[in-house]
Amino acid sequence: MVVIVATLKAKSGKENELIAVMTDLAKSVRSKEPGTLEYTFHRSQKDAAVFMVYEKYKDGEAVKAHMASPHFQDAGKKMGGLLEGGLGIETYAVIE
């Protein structure tokens, strides 16, 4: 299994637009990607502009399929103007 934690910070005033893009993406991932075991979108309780996505995949091939999917590519284009800074990504291997 592969786990990815992605962090995003919305530009000021763009929080709701980012939520809409990410909510649509999460729904598509969960319904169209059988190799994705979990894909949940979170909002920081300390900073309303900061978000996190917890992703769990069956294997590396499932990660590649996710990154290549049309819904992921489309969301990436939409997010470009909504994010402050880049996307933070950390990848983990499941131990237990």
N, C-alpha and C. Protein backbone atom coordinates (compact mmCIF):
# COMPACT_ATOMS: atom_id res chain seq x y z
N MET A 1 0.83 -1.18 0.00
CA MET A 1 0.00 0.00 0.00
C MET A 1 0.88 1.24 0.00
N VAL A 2 0.34 2.29 -0.57
CA VAL A 2 1.01 3.58 -0.63
C VAL A 2 0.05 4.63 -0.07
N VAL A 3 0.57 5.47 0.80
CA VAL A 3 -0.23 6.57 1.36
C VAL A 3 0.42 7.88 0.93
N ILE A 4 -0.41 8.80 0.51
CA ILE A 4 0.04 10.15 0.15
C ILE A 4 -0.74 11.14 1.00
N VAL A 5 -0.02 12.12 1.55
CA VAL A 5 -0.65 13.23 2.25
C VAL A 5 -0.30 14.48 1.46
N ALA A 6 -1.32 15.11 0.91
CA ALA A 6 -1.14 16.33 0.13
C ALA A 6 -1.67 17.51 0.93
N THR A 7 -0.90 18.59 0.97
CA THR A 7 -1.35 19.80 1.66
C THR A 7 -1.49 20.93 0.64
N LEU A 8 -2.54 21.72 0.84
CA LEU A 8 -2.86 22.81 -0.06
C LEU A 8 -3.23 24.03 0.76
N LYS A 9 -2.86 25.20 0.27
CA LYS A 9 -3.30 26.44 0.91
C LYS A 9 -3.98 27.28 -0.16
N ALA A 10 -5.22 27.67 0.11
CA ALA A 10 -5.99 28.47 -0.84
C ALA A 10 -5.55 29.93 -0.77
N LYS A 11 -5.58 30.58 -1.92
CA LYS A 11 -5.38 32.03 -1.94
C LYS A 11 -6.52 32.66 -1.16
N SER A 12 -6.26 33.82 -0.60
CA SER A 12 -7.29 34.52 0.17
C SER A 12 -8.53 34.75 -0.69
N GLY A 13 -9.67 34.35 -0.16
CA GLY A 13 -10.95 34.50 -0.86
C GLY A 13 -11.26 33.38 -1.84
N LYS A 14 -10.35 32.43 -2.03
CA LYS A 14 -10.54 31.34 -2.98
C LYS A 14 -10.87 30.02 -2.29
N GLU A 15 -11.07 30.04 -0.99
CA GLU A 15 -11.29 28.81 -0.23
C GLU A 15 -12.49 28.01 -0.75
N ASN A 16 -13.61 28.67 -0.97
CA ASN A 16 -14.82 27.96 -1.41
C ASN A 16 -14.66 27.37 -2.81
N GLU A 17 -13.94 28.08 -3.68
CA GLU A 17 -13.70 27.55 -5.02
C GLU A 17 -12.82 26.30 -4.93
N LEU A 18 -11.81 26.33 -4.07
CA LEU A 18 -10.95 25.16 -3.90
C LEU A 18 -11.74 23.99 -3.33
N ILE A 19 -12.60 24.27 -2.38
CA ILE A 19 -13.45 23.22 -1.80
C ILE A 19 -14.30 22.57 -2.89
N ALA A 20 -14.88 23.37 -3.76
CA ALA A 20 -15.73 22.83 -4.83
C ALA A 20 -14.93 21.93 -5.77
N VAL A 21 -13.74 22.37 -6.17
CA VAL A 21 -12.90 21.57 -7.07
C VAL A 21 -12.51 20.27 -6.40
N MET A 22 -12.06 20.36 -5.14
CA MET A 22 -11.58 19.17 -4.44
C MET A 22 -12.71 18.21 -4.07
N THR A 23 -13.88 18.72 -3.78
CA THR A 23 -15.03 17.86 -3.48
C THR A 23 -15.41 17.06 -4.72
N ASP A 24 -15.45 17.73 -5.87
CA ASP A 24 -15.75 17.03 -7.13
C ASP A 24 -14.68 15.98 -7.43
N LEU A 25 -13.41 16.35 -7.22
CA LEU A 25 -12.33 15.41 -7.47
C LEU A 25 -12.45 14.19 -6.56
N ALA A 26 -12.69 14.42 -5.28
CA ALA A 26 -12.79 13.30 -4.34
C ALA A 26 -13.91 12.34 -4.74
N LYS A 27 -15.04 12.88 -5.16
CA LYS A 27 -16.16 12.03 -5.59
C LYS A 27 -15.78 11.19 -6.81
N SER A 28 -15.09 11.81 -7.76
CA SER A 28 -14.67 11.08 -8.96
C SER A 28 -13.65 10.01 -8.63
N VAL A 29 -12.70 10.34 -7.77
CA VAL A 29 -11.68 9.36 -7.39
C VAL A 29 -12.32 8.15 -6.74
N ARG A 30 -13.21 8.40 -5.79
CA ARG A 30 -13.83 7.29 -5.06
C ARG A 30 -14.72 6.43 -5.96
N SER A 31 -15.33 7.02 -6.97
CA SER A 31 -16.24 6.24 -7.81
C SER A 31 -15.57 5.62 -9.04
N LYS A 32 -14.41 6.15 -9.46
CA LYS A 32 -13.83 5.70 -10.72
C LYS A 32 -12.47 5.02 -10.60
N GLU A 33 -11.91 4.97 -9.41
CA GLU A 33 -10.56 4.42 -9.26
C GLU A 33 -10.57 3.24 -8.29
N PRO A 34 -10.70 2.02 -8.80
CA PRO A 34 -10.76 0.86 -7.91
C PRO A 34 -9.49 0.63 -7.09
N GLY A 35 -8.35 1.15 -7.55
CA GLY A 35 -7.10 0.98 -6.81
C GLY A 35 -6.90 1.97 -5.69
N THR A 36 -7.81 2.95 -5.61
CA THR A 36 -7.76 3.94 -4.54
C THR A 36 -8.61 3.42 -3.38
N LEU A 37 -7.97 3.17 -2.26
CA LEU A 37 -8.65 2.60 -1.10
C LEU A 37 -9.28 3.68 -0.22
N GLU A 38 -8.68 4.87 -0.21
CA GLU A 38 -9.24 5.98 0.58
C GLU A 38 -8.78 7.29 -0.05
N TYR A 39 -9.67 8.26 -0.07
CA TYR A 39 -9.35 9.59 -0.60
C TYR A 39 -10.26 10.57 0.14
N THR A 40 -9.71 11.20 1.17
CA THR A 40 -10.52 12.11 1.98
C THR A 40 -9.89 13.50 2.02
N PHE A 41 -10.74 14.49 1.94
CA PHE A 41 -10.37 15.89 1.89
C PHE A 41 -10.68 16.52 3.24
N HIS A 42 -9.71 17.23 3.81
CA HIS A 42 -9.85 17.80 5.16
C HIS A 42 -9.53 19.30 5.15
N ARG A 43 -10.09 20.01 6.13
CA ARG A 43 -9.79 21.44 6.32
C ARG A 43 -9.19 21.64 7.70
N SER A 44 -8.16 22.44 7.77
CA SER A 44 -7.50 22.72 9.05
C SER A 44 -8.45 23.42 10.01
N GLN A 45 -8.38 23.05 11.26
CA GLN A 45 -9.17 23.73 12.29
C GLN A 45 -8.47 25.00 12.78
N LYS A 46 -7.18 25.14 12.45
CA LYS A 46 -6.43 26.33 12.87
C LYS A 46 -6.42 27.42 11.81
N ASP A 47 -6.43 27.04 10.54
CA ASP A 47 -6.33 27.99 9.43
C ASP A 47 -7.29 27.54 8.34
N ALA A 48 -8.37 28.28 8.15
CA ALA A 48 -9.43 27.90 7.20
C ALA A 48 -8.97 27.89 5.74
N ALA A 49 -7.77 28.39 5.46
CA ALA A 49 -7.26 28.38 4.09
C ALA A 49 -6.39 27.16 3.82
N VAL A 50 -6.13 26.34 4.84
CA VAL A 50 -5.25 25.19 4.71
C VAL A 50 -6.07 23.90 4.65
N PHE A 51 -5.71 23.06 3.68
CA PHE A 51 -6.43 21.80 3.45
C PHE A 51 -5.43 20.65 3.33
N MET A 52 -5.94 19.44 3.54
CA MET A 52 -5.13 18.24 3.44
C MET A 52 -5.95 17.14 2.78
N VAL A 53 -5.28 16.36 1.94
CA VAL A 53 -5.92 15.21 1.33
C VAL A 53 -5.15 13.97 1.79
N TYR A 54 -5.89 13.02 2.38
CA TYR A 54 -5.31 11.73 2.78
C TYR A 54 -5.70 10.72 1.71
N GLU A 55 -4.68 10.13 1.09
CA GLU A 55 -4.90 9.20 -0.02
C GLU A 55 -4.24 7.86 0.30
N LYS A 56 -4.96 6.79 0.08
CA LYS A 56 -4.39 5.45 0.27
C LYS A 56 -4.68 4.63 -0.99
N TYR A 57 -3.60 4.07 -1.53
CA TYR A 57 -3.68 3.32 -2.78
C TYR A 57 -3.23 1.88 -2.58
N LYS A 58 -3.78 0.99 -3.39
CA LYS A 58 -3.44 -0.43 -3.34
C LYS A 58 -1.95 -0.64 -3.62
N ASP A 59 -1.40 0.12 -4.60
CA ASP A 59 0.00 -0.03 -4.98
C ASP A 59 0.42 1.16 -5.84
N GLY A 60 1.67 1.12 -6.29
CA GLY A 60 2.20 2.20 -7.12
C GLY A 60 1.47 2.36 -8.45
N GLU A 61 0.99 1.26 -8.99
CA GLU A 61 0.23 1.33 -10.25
C GLU A 61 -1.07 2.11 -10.06
N ALA A 62 -1.69 1.96 -8.91
CA ALA A 62 -2.92 2.71 -8.62
C ALA A 62 -2.62 4.21 -8.50
N VAL A 63 -1.46 4.55 -7.95
CA VAL A 63 -1.05 5.96 -7.86
C VAL A 63 -0.87 6.52 -9.26
N LYS A 64 -0.18 5.77 -10.12
CA LYS A 64 0.03 6.22 -11.50
C LYS A 64 -1.30 6.40 -12.23
N ALA A 65 -2.23 5.48 -12.03
CA ALA A 65 -3.55 5.59 -12.66
C ALA A 65 -4.28 6.83 -12.17
N HIS A 66 -4.16 7.12 -10.88
CA HIS A 66 -4.80 8.32 -10.32
C HIS A 66 -4.23 9.57 -10.97
N MET A 67 -2.91 9.67 -11.03
CA MET A 67 -2.25 10.87 -11.58
C MET A 67 -2.58 11.08 -13.06
N ALA A 68 -2.80 9.99 -13.77
CA ALA A 68 -3.09 10.06 -15.21
C ALA A 68 -4.58 10.23 -15.52
N SER A 69 -5.43 10.10 -14.53
CA SER A 69 -6.88 10.14 -14.78
C SER A 69 -7.33 11.51 -15.29
N PRO A 70 -8.33 11.53 -16.15
CA PRO A 70 -8.84 12.81 -16.67
C PRO A 70 -9.37 13.72 -15.56
N HIS A 71 -10.04 13.14 -14.55
CA HIS A 71 -10.59 13.98 -13.49
C HIS A 71 -9.47 14.61 -12.65
N PHE A 72 -8.35 13.92 -12.44
CA PHE A 72 -7.23 14.50 -11.71
C PHE A 72 -6.57 15.60 -12.54
N GLN A 73 -6.37 15.34 -13.82
CA GLN A 73 -5.76 16.33 -14.71
C GLN A 73 -6.62 17.60 -14.79
N ASP A 74 -7.92 17.43 -14.88
CA ASP A 74 -8.84 18.56 -14.95
C ASP A 74 -8.80 19.37 -13.65
N ALA A 75 -8.82 18.69 -12.51
CA ALA A 75 -8.77 19.38 -11.22
C ALA A 75 -7.47 20.16 -11.07
N GLY A 76 -6.37 19.58 -11.53
CA GLY A 76 -5.08 20.26 -11.45
C GLY A 76 -5.09 21.58 -12.20
N LYS A 77 -5.70 21.59 -13.36
CA LYS A 77 -5.80 22.83 -14.14
C LYS A 77 -6.64 23.87 -13.41
N LYS A 78 -7.73 23.44 -12.81
CA LYS A 78 -8.62 24.36 -12.10
C LYS A 78 -7.97 24.91 -10.83
N MET A 79 -7.15 24.09 -10.16
CA MET A 79 -6.53 24.51 -8.90
C MET A 79 -5.41 25.52 -9.08
N GLY A 80 -4.83 25.57 -10.27
CA GLY A 80 -3.68 26.44 -10.49
C GLY A 80 -3.84 27.86 -9.98
N GLY A 81 -4.96 28.48 -10.26
CA GLY A 81 -5.20 29.85 -9.83
C GLY A 81 -5.78 29.99 -8.44
N LEU A 82 -6.01 28.87 -7.77
CA LEU A 82 -6.64 28.91 -6.45
C LEU A 82 -5.66 28.72 -5.30
N LEU A 83 -4.46 28.23 -5.62
CA LEU A 83 -3.52 27.88 -4.56
C LEU A 83 -2.49 28.97 -4.32
N GLU A 84 -2.17 29.13 -3.06
CA GLU A 84 -1.06 29.99 -2.66
C GLU A 84 0.15 29.08 -2.49
N GLY A 85 1.16 29.29 -3.30
CA GLY A 85 2.29 28.37 -3.26
C GLY A 85 1.92 27.10 -4.00
N GLY A 86 2.73 26.10 -3.82
CA GLY A 86 2.50 24.85 -4.52
C GLY A 86 1.75 23.85 -3.67
N LEU A 87 1.70 22.67 -4.18
CA LEU A 87 1.06 21.55 -3.52
C LEU A 87 2.15 20.81 -2.75
N GLY A 88 1.94 20.59 -1.46
CA GLY A 88 2.89 19.82 -0.66
C GLY A 88 2.51 18.36 -0.70
N ILE A 89 3.47 17.50 -1.02
CA ILE A 89 3.17 16.07 -1.11
C ILE A 89 4.20 15.28 -0.33
N GLU A 90 3.71 14.37 0.50
CA GLU A 90 4.56 13.44 1.24
C GLU A 90 4.01 12.05 0.99
N THR A 91 4.88 11.12 0.66
CA THR A 91 4.48 9.74 0.38
C THR A 91 4.97 8.84 1.51
N TYR A 92 4.12 7.90 1.90
CA TYR A 92 4.42 7.00 2.99
C TYR A 92 4.19 5.55 2.56
N ALA A 93 4.96 4.64 3.14
CA ALA A 93 4.72 3.22 2.99
C ALA A 93 4.02 2.75 4.27
N VAL A 94 2.98 1.96 4.12
CA VAL A 94 2.24 1.47 5.26
C VAL A 94 3.06 0.38 5.95
N ILE A 95 3.24 0.52 7.26
CA ILE A 95 3.97 -0.46 8.03
C ILE A 95 3.02 -1.45 8.68
N GLU A 96 1.97 -0.96 9.25
CA GLU A 96 1.03 -1.84 9.96
C GLU A 96 -0.39 -1.39 9.73
